[in-house]
Amino acid sequence: TDEEKAFLDRLARKLDISELDYNAILKD
């Protein structure tokens, strides 16, 4: 959901997940 996506975006920043890794994880 949009709320979950927003949460994942913030969580990725807090966990220091790069944009490249973030997109790779979301994709697979």
mmCIF file of all heavy atoms, coordinates in Angstrom:
data_MODEL
# 
_entry.id   MODEL 
# 
loop_
_atom_site.group_PDB 
_atom_site.id 
_atom_site.type_symbol 
_atom_site.label_atom_id 
_atom_site.label_alt_id 
_atom_site.label_comp_id 
_atom_site.label_asym_id 
_atom_site.label_entity_id 
_atom_site.label_seq_id 
_atom_site.pdbx_PDB_ins_code 
_atom_site.Cartn_x 
_atom_site.Cartn_y 
_atom_site.Cartn_z 
_atom_site.occupancy 
_atom_site.B_iso_or_equiv 
_atom_site.pdbx_formal_charge 
_atom_site.auth_seq_id 
_atom_site.auth_comp_id 
_atom_site.auth_asym_id 
_atom_site.auth_atom_id 
_atom_site.pdbx_PDB_model_num 
ATOM 1   N N   . THR A 1 1  ? 0.837  -1.195  0.000   1.00 0.00 ? 1  THR A N   1 
ATOM 2   C CA  . THR A 1 1  ? 0.000  0.000   0.000   1.00 0.00 ? 1  THR A CA  1 
ATOM 3   C C   . THR A 1 1  ? 0.874  1.246   0.000   1.00 0.00 ? 1  THR A C   1 
ATOM 4   O O   . THR A 1 1  ? 2.081  1.176   0.250   1.00 0.00 ? 1  THR A O   1 
ATOM 5   C CB  . THR A 1 1  ? -0.920 0.028   1.229   1.00 0.00 ? 1  THR A CB  1 
ATOM 6   O OG1 . THR A 1 1  ? -0.109 0.164   2.405   1.00 0.00 ? 1  THR A OG1 1 
ATOM 7   C CG2 . THR A 1 1  ? -1.785 -1.230  1.322   1.00 0.00 ? 1  THR A CG2 1 
ATOM 8   N N   . ASP A 1 2  ? 0.252  2.385   -0.273  1.00 0.00 ? 2  ASP A N   1 
ATOM 9   C CA  . ASP A 1 2  ? 0.997  3.651   -0.248  1.00 0.00 ? 2  ASP A CA  1 
ATOM 10  C C   . ASP A 1 2  ? 1.613  3.891   1.126   1.00 0.00 ? 2  ASP A C   1 
ATOM 11  O O   . ASP A 1 2  ? 2.753  4.355   1.230   1.00 0.00 ? 2  ASP A O   1 
ATOM 12  C CB  . ASP A 1 2  ? 0.081  4.825   -0.615  1.00 0.00 ? 2  ASP A CB  1 
ATOM 13  C CG  . ASP A 1 2  ? -0.338 4.797   -2.077  1.00 0.00 ? 2  ASP A CG  1 
ATOM 14  O OD1 . ASP A 1 2  ? 0.345  4.134   -2.895  1.00 0.00 ? 2  ASP A OD1 1 
ATOM 15  O OD2 . ASP A 1 2  ? -1.352 5.442   -2.404  1.00 0.00 ? 2  ASP A OD2 1 
ATOM 16  N N   . GLU A 1 3  ? 0.859  3.565   2.183   1.00 0.00 ? 3  GLU A N   1 
ATOM 17  C CA  . GLU A 1 3  ? 1.379  3.746   3.551   1.00 0.00 ? 3  GLU A CA  1 
ATOM 18  C C   . GLU A 1 3  ? 2.563  2.832   3.806   1.00 0.00 ? 3  GLU A C   1 
ATOM 19  O O   . GLU A 1 3  ? 3.557  3.235   4.408   1.00 0.00 ? 3  GLU A O   1 
ATOM 20  C CB  . GLU A 1 3  ? 0.276  3.484   4.589   1.00 0.00 ? 3  GLU A CB  1 
ATOM 21  C CG  . GLU A 1 3  ? -0.828 4.508   4.603   1.00 0.00 ? 3  GLU A CG  1 
ATOM 22  C CD  . GLU A 1 3  ? -1.963 4.166   3.630   1.00 0.00 ? 3  GLU A CD  1 
ATOM 23  O OE1 . GLU A 1 3  ? -1.883 3.119   2.937   1.00 0.00 ? 3  GLU A OE1 1 
ATOM 24  O OE2 . GLU A 1 3  ? -2.922 4.958   3.551   1.00 0.00 ? 3  GLU A OE2 1 
ATOM 25  N N   . GLU A 1 4  ? 2.459  1.566   3.357   1.00 0.00 ? 4  GLU A N   1 
ATOM 26  C CA  . GLU A 1 4  ? 3.568  0.629   3.527   1.00 0.00 ? 4  GLU A CA  1 
ATOM 27  C C   . GLU A 1 4  ? 4.780  1.086   2.717   1.00 0.00 ? 4  GLU A C   1 
ATOM 28  O O   . GLU A 1 4  ? 5.911  0.998   3.200   1.00 0.00 ? 4  GLU A O   1 
ATOM 29  C CB  . GLU A 1 4  ? 3.145  -0.782  3.105   1.00 0.00 ? 4  GLU A CB  1 
ATOM 30  C CG  . GLU A 1 4  ? 2.148  -1.409  4.047   1.00 0.00 ? 4  GLU A CG  1 
ATOM 31  C CD  . GLU A 1 4  ? 1.555  -2.708  3.527   1.00 0.00 ? 4  GLU A CD  1 
ATOM 32  O OE1 . GLU A 1 4  ? 1.569  -2.937  2.290   1.00 0.00 ? 4  GLU A OE1 1 
ATOM 33  O OE2 . GLU A 1 4  ? 1.055  -3.481  4.350   1.00 0.00 ? 4  GLU A OE2 1 
ATOM 34  N N   . LYS A 1 5  ? 4.556  1.576   1.518   1.00 0.00 ? 5  LYS A N   1 
ATOM 35  C CA  . LYS A 1 5  ? 5.661  2.063   0.674   1.00 0.00 ? 5  LYS A CA  1 
ATOM 36  C C   . LYS A 1 5  ? 6.372  3.230   1.344   1.00 0.00 ? 5  LYS A C   1 
ATOM 37  O O   . LYS A 1 5  ? 7.610  3.286   1.380   1.00 0.00 ? 5  LYS A O   1 
ATOM 38  C CB  . LYS A 1 5  ? 5.121  2.483   -0.700  1.00 0.00 ? 5  LYS A CB  1 
ATOM 39  C CG  . LYS A 1 5  ? 6.158  3.090   -1.627  1.00 0.00 ? 5  LYS A CG  1 
ATOM 40  C CD  . LYS A 1 5  ? 7.059  2.066   -2.235  1.00 0.00 ? 5  LYS A CD  1 
ATOM 41  C CE  . LYS A 1 5  ? 7.854  2.592   -3.411  1.00 0.00 ? 5  LYS A CE  1 
ATOM 42  N NZ  . LYS A 1 5  ? 8.976  3.413   -3.085  1.00 0.00 ? 5  LYS A NZ  1 
ATOM 43  N N   . ALA A 1 6  ? 5.585  4.152   1.910   1.00 0.00 ? 6  ALA A N   1 
ATOM 44  C CA  . ALA A 1 6  ? 6.186  5.292   2.606   1.00 0.00 ? 6  ALA A CA  1 
ATOM 45  C C   . ALA A 1 6  ? 6.996  4.812   3.807   1.00 0.00 ? 6  ALA A C   1 
ATOM 46  O O   . ALA A 1 6  ? 8.095  5.309   4.069   1.00 0.00 ? 6  ALA A O   1 
ATOM 47  C CB  . ALA A 1 6  ? 5.101  6.273   3.036   1.00 0.00 ? 6  ALA A CB  1 
ATOM 48  N N   . PHE A 1 7  ? 6.467  3.839   4.525   1.00 0.00 ? 7  PHE A N   1 
ATOM 49  C CA  . PHE A 1 7  ? 7.188  3.273   5.666   1.00 0.00 ? 7  PHE A CA  1 
ATOM 50  C C   . PHE A 1 7  ? 8.482  2.608   5.202   1.00 0.00 ? 7  PHE A C   1 
ATOM 51  O O   . PHE A 1 7  ? 9.542  2.802   5.802   1.00 0.00 ? 7  PHE A O   1 
ATOM 52  C CB  . PHE A 1 7  ? 6.307  2.275   6.417   1.00 0.00 ? 7  PHE A CB  1 
ATOM 53  C CG  . PHE A 1 7  ? 7.026  1.546   7.509   1.00 0.00 ? 7  PHE A CG  1 
ATOM 54  C CD1 . PHE A 1 7  ? 7.379  2.204   8.681   1.00 0.00 ? 7  PHE A CD1 1 
ATOM 55  C CD2 . PHE A 1 7  ? 7.368  0.215   7.367   1.00 0.00 ? 7  PHE A CD2 1 
ATOM 56  C CE1 . PHE A 1 7  ? 8.051  1.538   9.692   1.00 0.00 ? 7  PHE A CE1 1 
ATOM 57  C CE2 . PHE A 1 7  ? 8.041  -0.455  8.365   1.00 0.00 ? 7  PHE A CE2 1 
ATOM 58  C CZ  . PHE A 1 7  ? 8.385  0.201   9.535   1.00 0.00 ? 7  PHE A CZ  1 
ATOM 59  N N   . LEU A 1 8  ? 8.408  1.829   4.126   1.00 0.00 ? 8  LEU A N   1 
ATOM 60  C CA  . LEU A 1 8  ? 9.606  1.168   3.600   1.00 0.00 ? 8  LEU A CA  1 
ATOM 61  C C   . LEU A 1 8  ? 10.651 2.177   3.162   1.00 0.00 ? 8  LEU A C   1 
ATOM 62  O O   . LEU A 1 8  ? 11.849 1.970   3.386   1.00 0.00 ? 8  LEU A O   1 
ATOM 63  C CB  . LEU A 1 8  ? 9.238  0.241   2.439   1.00 0.00 ? 8  LEU A CB  1 
ATOM 64  C CG  . LEU A 1 8  ? 8.427  -1.000  2.804   1.00 0.00 ? 8  LEU A CG  1 
ATOM 65  C CD1 . LEU A 1 8  ? 7.988  -1.731  1.535   1.00 0.00 ? 8  LEU A CD1 1 
ATOM 66  C CD2 . LEU A 1 8  ? 9.199  -1.922  3.726   1.00 0.00 ? 8  LEU A CD2 1 
ATOM 67  N N   . ASP A 1 9  ? 10.210 3.272   2.558   1.00 0.00 ? 9  ASP A N   1 
ATOM 68  C CA  . ASP A 1 9  ? 11.141 4.331   2.153   1.00 0.00 ? 9  ASP A CA  1 
ATOM 69  C C   . ASP A 1 9  ? 11.901 4.876   3.369   1.00 0.00 ? 9  ASP A C   1 
ATOM 70  O O   . ASP A 1 9  ? 13.119 5.034   3.341   1.00 0.00 ? 9  ASP A O   1 
ATOM 71  C CB  . ASP A 1 9  ? 10.407 5.478   1.461   1.00 0.00 ? 9  ASP A CB  1 
ATOM 72  C CG  . ASP A 1 9  ? 9.836  5.107   0.104   1.00 0.00 ? 9  ASP A CG  1 
ATOM 73  O OD1 . ASP A 1 9  ? 10.212 4.040   -0.443  1.00 0.00 ? 9  ASP A OD1 1 
ATOM 74  O OD2 . ASP A 1 9  ? 8.997  5.879   -0.398  1.00 0.00 ? 9  ASP A OD2 1 
ATOM 75  N N   . ARG A 1 10 ? 11.155 5.178   4.426   1.00 0.00 ? 10 ARG A N   1 
ATOM 76  C CA  . ARG A 1 10 ? 11.793 5.724   5.645   1.00 0.00 ? 10 ARG A CA  1 
ATOM 77  C C   . ARG A 1 10 ? 12.678 4.677   6.320   1.00 0.00 ? 10 ARG A C   1 
ATOM 78  O O   . ARG A 1 10 ? 13.767 4.987   6.798   1.00 0.00 ? 10 ARG A O   1 
ATOM 79  C CB  . ARG A 1 10 ? 10.726 6.246   6.607   1.00 0.00 ? 10 ARG A CB  1 
ATOM 80  C CG  . ARG A 1 10 ? 10.071 7.532   6.109   1.00 0.00 ? 10 ARG A CG  1 
ATOM 81  C CD  . ARG A 1 10 ? 9.115  8.114   7.122   1.00 0.00 ? 10 ARG A CD  1 
ATOM 82  N NE  . ARG A 1 10 ? 7.951  7.280   7.358   1.00 0.00 ? 10 ARG A NE  1 
ATOM 83  C CZ  . ARG A 1 10 ? 6.835  7.304   6.616   1.00 0.00 ? 10 ARG A CZ  1 
ATOM 84  N NH1 . ARG A 1 10 ? 6.743  8.103   5.572   1.00 0.00 ? 10 ARG A NH1 1 
ATOM 85  N NH2 . ARG A 1 10 ? 5.824  6.529   6.922   1.00 0.00 ? 10 ARG A NH2 1 
ATOM 86  N N   . LEU A 1 11 ? 12.215 3.444   6.355   1.00 0.00 ? 11 LEU A N   1 
ATOM 87  C CA  . LEU A 1 11 ? 12.996 2.376   6.963   1.00 0.00 ? 11 LEU A CA  1 
ATOM 88  C C   . LEU A 1 11 ? 14.307 2.163   6.216   1.00 0.00 ? 11 LEU A C   1 
ATOM 89  O O   . LEU A 1 11 ? 15.363 1.984   6.831   1.00 0.00 ? 11 LEU A O   1 
ATOM 90  C CB  . LEU A 1 11 ? 12.181 1.085   7.002   1.00 0.00 ? 11 LEU A CB  1 
ATOM 91  C CG  . LEU A 1 11 ? 12.835 -0.112  7.657   1.00 0.00 ? 11 LEU A CG  1 
ATOM 92  C CD1 . LEU A 1 11 ? 13.160 0.172   9.123   1.00 0.00 ? 11 LEU A CD1 1 
ATOM 93  C CD2 . LEU A 1 11 ? 11.936 -1.332  7.533   1.00 0.00 ? 11 LEU A CD2 1 
ATOM 94  N N   . ALA A 1 12 ? 14.253 2.210   4.899   1.00 0.00 ? 12 ALA A N   1 
ATOM 95  C CA  . ALA A 1 12 ? 15.470 2.045   4.088   1.00 0.00 ? 12 ALA A CA  1 
ATOM 96  C C   . ALA A 1 12 ? 16.488 3.124   4.432   1.00 0.00 ? 12 ALA A C   1 
ATOM 97  O O   . ALA A 1 12 ? 17.691 2.846   4.547   1.00 0.00 ? 12 ALA A O   1 
ATOM 98  C CB  . ALA A 1 12 ? 15.128 2.075   2.602   1.00 0.00 ? 12 ALA A CB  1 
ATOM 99  N N   . ARG A 1 13 ? 16.025 4.350   4.600   1.00 0.00 ? 13 ARG A N   1 
ATOM 100 C CA  . ARG A 1 13 ? 16.943 5.435   4.984   1.00 0.00 ? 13 ARG A CA  1 
ATOM 101 C C   . ARG A 1 13 ? 17.547 5.164   6.364   1.00 0.00 ? 13 ARG A C   1 
ATOM 102 O O   . ARG A 1 13 ? 18.740 5.343   6.568   1.00 0.00 ? 13 ARG A O   1 
ATOM 103 C CB  . ARG A 1 13 ? 16.221 6.775   4.968   1.00 0.00 ? 13 ARG A CB  1 
ATOM 104 C CG  . ARG A 1 13 ? 16.061 7.361   3.586   1.00 0.00 ? 13 ARG A CG  1 
ATOM 105 C CD  . ARG A 1 13 ? 15.592 8.806   3.609   1.00 0.00 ? 13 ARG A CD  1 
ATOM 106 N NE  . ARG A 1 13 ? 14.308 8.984   4.259   1.00 0.00 ? 13 ARG A NE  1 
ATOM 107 C CZ  . ARG A 1 13 ? 13.123 8.838   3.666   1.00 0.00 ? 13 ARG A CZ  1 
ATOM 108 N NH1 . ARG A 1 13 ? 13.071 8.496   2.395   1.00 0.00 ? 13 ARG A NH1 1 
ATOM 109 N NH2 . ARG A 1 13 ? 12.007 9.039   4.323   1.00 0.00 ? 13 ARG A NH2 1 
ATOM 110 N N   . LYS A 1 14 ? 16.710 4.725   7.310   1.00 0.00 ? 14 LYS A N   1 
ATOM 111 C CA  . LYS A 1 14 ? 17.201 4.474   8.672   1.00 0.00 ? 14 LYS A CA  1 
ATOM 112 C C   . LYS A 1 14 ? 18.186 3.313   8.721   1.00 0.00 ? 14 LYS A C   1 
ATOM 113 O O   . LYS A 1 14 ? 19.103 3.304   9.537   1.00 0.00 ? 14 LYS A O   1 
ATOM 114 C CB  . LYS A 1 14 ? 16.029 4.212   9.618   1.00 0.00 ? 14 LYS A CB  1 
ATOM 115 C CG  . LYS A 1 14 ? 15.205 5.452   9.867   1.00 0.00 ? 14 LYS A CG  1 
ATOM 116 C CD  . LYS A 1 14 ? 14.008 5.175   10.749  1.00 0.00 ? 14 LYS A CD  1 
ATOM 117 C CE  . LYS A 1 14 ? 13.165 6.431   10.868  1.00 0.00 ? 14 LYS A CE  1 
ATOM 118 N NZ  . LYS A 1 14 ? 11.964 6.228   11.664  1.00 0.00 ? 14 LYS A NZ  1 
ATOM 119 N N   . LEU A 1 15 ? 17.981 2.327   7.852   1.00 0.00 ? 15 LEU A N   1 
ATOM 120 C CA  . LEU A 1 15 ? 18.878 1.171   7.810   1.00 0.00 ? 15 LEU A CA  1 
ATOM 121 C C   . LEU A 1 15 ? 20.052 1.377   6.862   1.00 0.00 ? 15 LEU A C   1 
ATOM 122 O O   . LEU A 1 15 ? 20.854 0.475   6.661   1.00 0.00 ? 15 LEU A O   1 
ATOM 123 C CB  . LEU A 1 15 ? 18.098 -0.089  7.407   1.00 0.00 ? 15 LEU A CB  1 
ATOM 124 C CG  . LEU A 1 15 ? 17.061 -0.587  8.400   1.00 0.00 ? 15 LEU A CG  1 
ATOM 125 C CD1 . LEU A 1 15 ? 16.283 -1.767  7.820   1.00 0.00 ? 15 LEU A CD1 1 
ATOM 126 C CD2 . LEU A 1 15 ? 17.705 -0.961  9.727   1.00 0.00 ? 15 LEU A CD2 1 
ATOM 127 N N   . ASP A 1 16 ? 20.137 2.566   6.266   1.00 0.00 ? 16 ASP A N   1 
ATOM 128 C CA  . ASP A 1 16 ? 21.223 2.921   5.355   1.00 0.00 ? 16 ASP A CA  1 
ATOM 129 C C   . ASP A 1 16 ? 21.273 1.981   4.144   1.00 0.00 ? 16 ASP A C   1 
ATOM 130 O O   . ASP A 1 16 ? 22.342 1.532   3.734   1.00 0.00 ? 16 ASP A O   1 
ATOM 131 C CB  . ASP A 1 16 ? 22.560 2.935   6.100   1.00 0.00 ? 16 ASP A CB  1 
ATOM 132 C CG  . ASP A 1 16 ? 23.607 3.748   5.366   1.00 0.00 ? 16 ASP A CG  1 
ATOM 133 O OD1 . ASP A 1 16 ? 23.226 4.675   4.618   1.00 0.00 ? 16 ASP A OD1 1 
ATOM 134 O OD2 . ASP A 1 16 ? 24.810 3.450   5.526   1.00 0.00 ? 16 ASP A OD2 1 
ATOM 135 N N   . ILE A 1 17 ? 20.097 1.718   3.573   1.00 0.00 ? 17 ILE A N   1 
ATOM 136 C CA  . ILE A 1 17 ? 19.996 0.908   2.368   1.00 0.00 ? 17 ILE A CA  1 
ATOM 137 C C   . ILE A 1 17 ? 20.129 1.864   1.179   1.00 0.00 ? 17 ILE A C   1 
ATOM 138 O O   . ILE A 1 17 ? 19.379 2.831   1.077   1.00 0.00 ? 17 ILE A O   1 
ATOM 139 C CB  . ILE A 1 17 ? 18.630 0.181   2.297   1.00 0.00 ? 17 ILE A CB  1 
ATOM 140 C CG1 . ILE A 1 17 ? 18.349 -0.642  3.560   1.00 0.00 ? 17 ILE A CG1 1 
ATOM 141 C CG2 . ILE A 1 17 ? 18.516 -0.661  1.034   1.00 0.00 ? 17 ILE A CG2 1 
ATOM 142 C CD1 . ILE A 1 17 ? 19.242 -1.821  3.767   1.00 0.00 ? 17 ILE A CD1 1 
ATOM 143 N N   . SER A 1 18 ? 21.075 1.587   0.299   1.00 0.00 ? 18 SER A N   1 
ATOM 144 C CA  . SER A 1 18 ? 21.272 2.464   -0.867  1.00 0.00 ? 18 SER A CA  1 
ATOM 145 C C   . SER A 1 18 ? 20.061 2.370   -1.792  1.00 0.00 ? 18 SER A C   1 
ATOM 146 O O   . SER A 1 18 ? 19.305 1.394   -1.766  1.00 0.00 ? 18 SER A O   1 
ATOM 147 C CB  . SER A 1 18 ? 22.532 2.075   -1.631  1.00 0.00 ? 18 SER A CB  1 
ATOM 148 O OG  . SER A 1 18 ? 22.325 0.857   -2.322  1.00 0.00 ? 18 SER A OG  1 
ATOM 149 N N   . GLU A 1 19 ? 19.905 3.381   -2.655  1.00 0.00 ? 19 GLU A N   1 
ATOM 150 C CA  . GLU A 1 19 ? 18.788 3.381   -3.607  1.00 0.00 ? 19 GLU A CA  1 
ATOM 151 C C   . GLU A 1 19 ? 18.885 2.181   -4.545  1.00 0.00 ? 19 GLU A C   1 
ATOM 152 O O   . GLU A 1 19 ? 17.874 1.547   -4.868  1.00 0.00 ? 19 GLU A O   1 
ATOM 153 C CB  . GLU A 1 19 ? 18.767 4.681   -4.397  1.00 0.00 ? 19 GLU A CB  1 
ATOM 154 C CG  . GLU A 1 19 ? 17.554 4.802   -5.291  1.00 0.00 ? 19 GLU A CG  1 
ATOM 155 C CD  . GLU A 1 19 ? 17.439 6.155   -5.974  1.00 0.00 ? 19 GLU A CD  1 
ATOM 156 O OE1 . GLU A 1 19 ? 18.124 7.113   -5.565  1.00 0.00 ? 19 GLU A OE1 1 
ATOM 157 O OE2 . GLU A 1 19 ? 16.657 6.234   -6.933  1.00 0.00 ? 19 GLU A OE2 1 
ATOM 158 N N   . LEU A 1 20 ? 20.099 1.852   -4.956  1.00 0.00 ? 20 LEU A N   1 
ATOM 159 C CA  . LEU A 1 20 ? 20.305 0.707   -5.833  1.00 0.00 ? 20 LEU A CA  1 
ATOM 160 C C   . LEU A 1 20 ? 19.869 -0.589  -5.144  1.00 0.00 ? 20 LEU A C   1 
ATOM 161 O O   . LEU A 1 20 ? 19.134 -1.402  -5.724  1.00 0.00 ? 20 LEU A O   1 
ATOM 162 C CB  . LEU A 1 20 ? 21.779 0.632   -6.255  1.00 0.00 ? 20 LEU A CB  1 
ATOM 163 C CG  . LEU A 1 20 ? 22.163 -0.480  -7.213  1.00 0.00 ? 20 LEU A CG  1 
ATOM 164 C CD1 . LEU A 1 20 ? 21.495 -0.265  -8.574  1.00 0.00 ? 20 LEU A CD1 1 
ATOM 165 C CD2 . LEU A 1 20 ? 23.672 -0.524  -7.377  1.00 0.00 ? 20 LEU A CD2 1 
ATOM 166 N N   . ASP A 1 21 ? 20.328 -0.786  -3.896  1.00 0.00 ? 21 ASP A N   1 
ATOM 167 C CA  . ASP A 1 21 ? 19.948 -1.985  -3.142  1.00 0.00 ? 21 ASP A CA  1 
ATOM 168 C C   . ASP A 1 21 ? 18.450 -1.994  -2.847  1.00 0.00 ? 21 ASP A C   1 
ATOM 169 O O   . ASP A 1 21 ? 17.806 -3.040  -2.909  1.00 0.00 ? 21 ASP A O   1 
ATOM 170 C CB  . ASP A 1 21 ? 20.742 -2.076  -1.836  1.00 0.00 ? 21 ASP A CB  1 
ATOM 171 C CG  . ASP A 1 21 ? 22.207 -2.390  -2.069  1.00 0.00 ? 21 ASP A CG  1 
ATOM 172 O OD1 . ASP A 1 21 ? 22.531 -2.974  -3.129  1.00 0.00 ? 21 ASP A OD1 1 
ATOM 173 O OD2 . ASP A 1 21 ? 23.027 -2.049  -1.202  1.00 0.00 ? 21 ASP A OD2 1 
ATOM 174 N N   . TYR A 1 22 ? 17.896 -0.837  -2.524  1.00 0.00 ? 22 TYR A N   1 
ATOM 175 C CA  . TYR A 1 22 ? 16.470 -0.707  -2.246  1.00 0.00 ? 22 TYR A CA  1 
ATOM 176 C C   . TYR A 1 22 ? 15.647 -1.191  -3.440  1.00 0.00 ? 22 TYR A C   1 
ATOM 177 O O   . TYR A 1 22 ? 14.742 -2.014  -3.296  1.00 0.00 ? 22 TYR A O   1 
ATOM 178 C CB  . TYR A 1 22 ? 16.150 0.751   -1.927  1.00 0.00 ? 22 TYR A CB  1 
ATOM 179 C CG  . TYR A 1 22 ? 14.692 1.069   -1.715  1.00 0.00 ? 22 TYR A CG  1 
ATOM 180 C CD1 . TYR A 1 22 ? 14.099 0.902   -0.476  1.00 0.00 ? 22 TYR A CD1 1 
ATOM 181 C CD2 . TYR A 1 22 ? 13.906 1.567   -2.755  1.00 0.00 ? 22 TYR A CD2 1 
ATOM 182 C CE1 . TYR A 1 22 ? 12.761 1.215   -0.267  1.00 0.00 ? 22 TYR A CE1 1 
ATOM 183 C CE2 . TYR A 1 22 ? 12.575 1.868   -2.561  1.00 0.00 ? 22 TYR A CE2 1 
ATOM 184 C CZ  . TYR A 1 22 ? 12.004 1.693   -1.313  1.00 0.00 ? 22 TYR A CZ  1 
ATOM 185 O OH  . TYR A 1 22 ? 10.682 1.998   -1.115  1.00 0.00 ? 22 TYR A OH  1 
ATOM 186 N N   . ASN A 1 23 ? 15.982 -0.687  -4.618  1.00 0.00 ? 23 ASN A N   1 
ATOM 187 C CA  . ASN A 1 23 ? 15.245 -1.073  -5.825  1.00 0.00 ? 23 ASN A CA  1 
ATOM 188 C C   . ASN A 1 23 ? 15.421 -2.555  -6.138  1.00 0.00 ? 23 ASN A C   1 
ATOM 189 O O   . ASN A 1 23 ? 14.474 -3.221  -6.559  1.00 0.00 ? 23 ASN A O   1 
ATOM 190 C CB  . ASN A 1 23 ? 15.657 -0.208  -7.014  1.00 0.00 ? 23 ASN A CB  1 
ATOM 191 C CG  . ASN A 1 23 ? 15.178 1.221   -6.864  1.00 0.00 ? 23 ASN A CG  1 
ATOM 192 O OD1 . ASN A 1 23 ? 14.119 1.473   -6.285  1.00 0.00 ? 23 ASN A OD1 1 
ATOM 193 N ND2 . ASN A 1 23 ? 15.953 2.164   -7.371  1.00 0.00 ? 23 ASN A ND2 1 
ATOM 194 N N   . ALA A 1 24 ? 16.626 -3.081  -5.925  1.00 0.00 ? 24 ALA A N   1 
ATOM 195 C CA  . ALA A 1 24 ? 16.882 -4.501  -6.174  1.00 0.00 ? 24 ALA A CA  1 
ATOM 196 C C   . ALA A 1 24 ? 16.077 -5.369  -5.211  1.00 0.00 ? 24 ALA A C   1 
ATOM 197 O O   . ALA A 1 24 ? 15.518 -6.398  -5.613  1.00 0.00 ? 24 ALA A O   1 
ATOM 198 C CB  . ALA A 1 24 ? 18.374 -4.799  -6.042  1.00 0.00 ? 24 ALA A CB  1 
ATOM 199 N N   . ILE A 1 25 ? 15.999 -4.958  -3.958  1.00 0.00 ? 25 ILE A N   1 
ATOM 200 C CA  . ILE A 1 25 ? 15.245 -5.724  -2.963  1.00 0.00 ? 25 ILE A CA  1 
ATOM 201 C C   . ILE A 1 25 ? 13.751 -5.680  -3.288  1.00 0.00 ? 25 ILE A C   1 
ATOM 202 O O   . ILE A 1 25 ? 13.070 -6.703  -3.232  1.00 0.00 ? 25 ILE A O   1 
ATOM 203 C CB  . ILE A 1 25 ? 15.527 -5.208  -1.539  1.00 0.00 ? 25 ILE A CB  1 
ATOM 204 C CG1 . ILE A 1 25 ? 16.962 -5.553  -1.136  1.00 0.00 ? 25 ILE A CG1 1 
ATOM 205 C CG2 . ILE A 1 25 ? 14.530 -5.795  -0.538  1.00 0.00 ? 25 ILE A CG2 1 
ATOM 206 C CD1 . ILE A 1 25 ? 17.450 -4.860  0.120   1.00 0.00 ? 25 ILE A CD1 1 
ATOM 207 N N   . LEU A 1 26 ? 13.237 -4.494  -3.631  1.00 0.00 ? 26 LEU A N   1 
ATOM 208 C CA  . LEU A 1 26 ? 11.815 -4.406  -3.984  1.00 0.00 ? 26 LEU A CA  1 
ATOM 209 C C   . LEU A 1 26 ? 11.486 -5.260  -5.207  1.00 0.00 ? 26 LEU A C   1 
ATOM 210 O O   . LEU A 1 26 ? 10.423 -5.877  -5.269  1.00 0.00 ? 26 LEU A O   1 
ATOM 211 C CB  . LEU A 1 26 ? 11.404 -2.961  -4.240  1.00 0.00 ? 26 LEU A CB  1 
ATOM 212 C CG  . LEU A 1 26 ? 11.163 -2.094  -3.018  1.00 0.00 ? 26 LEU A CG  1 
ATOM 213 C CD1 . LEU A 1 26 ? 10.714 -0.696  -3.442  1.00 0.00 ? 26 LEU A CD1 1 
ATOM 214 C CD2 . LEU A 1 26 ? 10.145 -2.694  -2.076  1.00 0.00 ? 26 LEU A CD2 1 
ATOM 215 N N   . LYS A 1 27 ? 12.400 -5.275  -6.175  1.00 0.00 ? 27 LYS A N   1 
ATOM 216 C CA  . LYS A 1 27 ? 12.161 -6.024  -7.401  1.00 0.00 ? 27 LYS A CA  1 
ATOM 217 C C   . LYS A 1 27 ? 12.191 -7.528  -7.151  1.00 0.00 ? 27 LYS A C   1 
ATOM 218 O O   . LYS A 1 27 ? 11.386 -8.270  -7.704  1.00 0.00 ? 27 LYS A O   1 
ATOM 219 C CB  . LYS A 1 27 ? 13.213 -5.641  -8.446  1.00 0.00 ? 27 LYS A CB  1 
ATOM 220 C CG  . LYS A 1 27 ? 13.024 -6.322  -9.775  1.00 0.00 ? 27 LYS A CG  1 
ATOM 221 C CD  . LYS A 1 27 ? 14.054 -5.857  -10.787 1.00 0.00 ? 27 LYS A CD  1 
ATOM 222 C CE  . LYS A 1 27 ? 13.856 -6.590  -12.101 1.00 0.00 ? 27 LYS A CE  1 
ATOM 223 N NZ  . LYS A 1 27 ? 14.858 -6.189  -13.076 1.00 0.00 ? 27 LYS A NZ  1 
ATOM 224 N N   . ASP A 1 28 ? 13.131 -7.984  -6.309  1.00 0.00 ? 28 ASP A N   1 
ATOM 225 C CA  . ASP A 1 28 ? 13.300 -9.424  -6.089  1.00 0.00 ? 28 ASP A CA  1 
ATOM 226 C C   . ASP A 1 28 ? 13.616 -9.710  -4.621  1.00 0.00 ? 28 ASP A C   1 
ATOM 227 O O   . ASP A 1 28 ? 14.696 -10.180 -4.288  1.00 0.00 ? 28 ASP A O   1 
ATOM 228 C CB  . ASP A 1 28 ? 14.410 -9.954  -6.998  1.00 0.00 ? 28 ASP A CB  1 
ATOM 229 C CG  . ASP A 1 28 ? 14.469 -11.466 -7.012  1.00 0.00 ? 28 ASP A CG  1 
ATOM 230 O OD1 . ASP A 1 28 ? 13.492 -12.128 -6.603  1.00 0.00 ? 28 ASP A OD1 1 
ATOM 231 O OD2 . ASP A 1 28 ? 15.517 -11.997 -7.426  1.00 0.00 ? 28 ASP A OD2 1 
# 
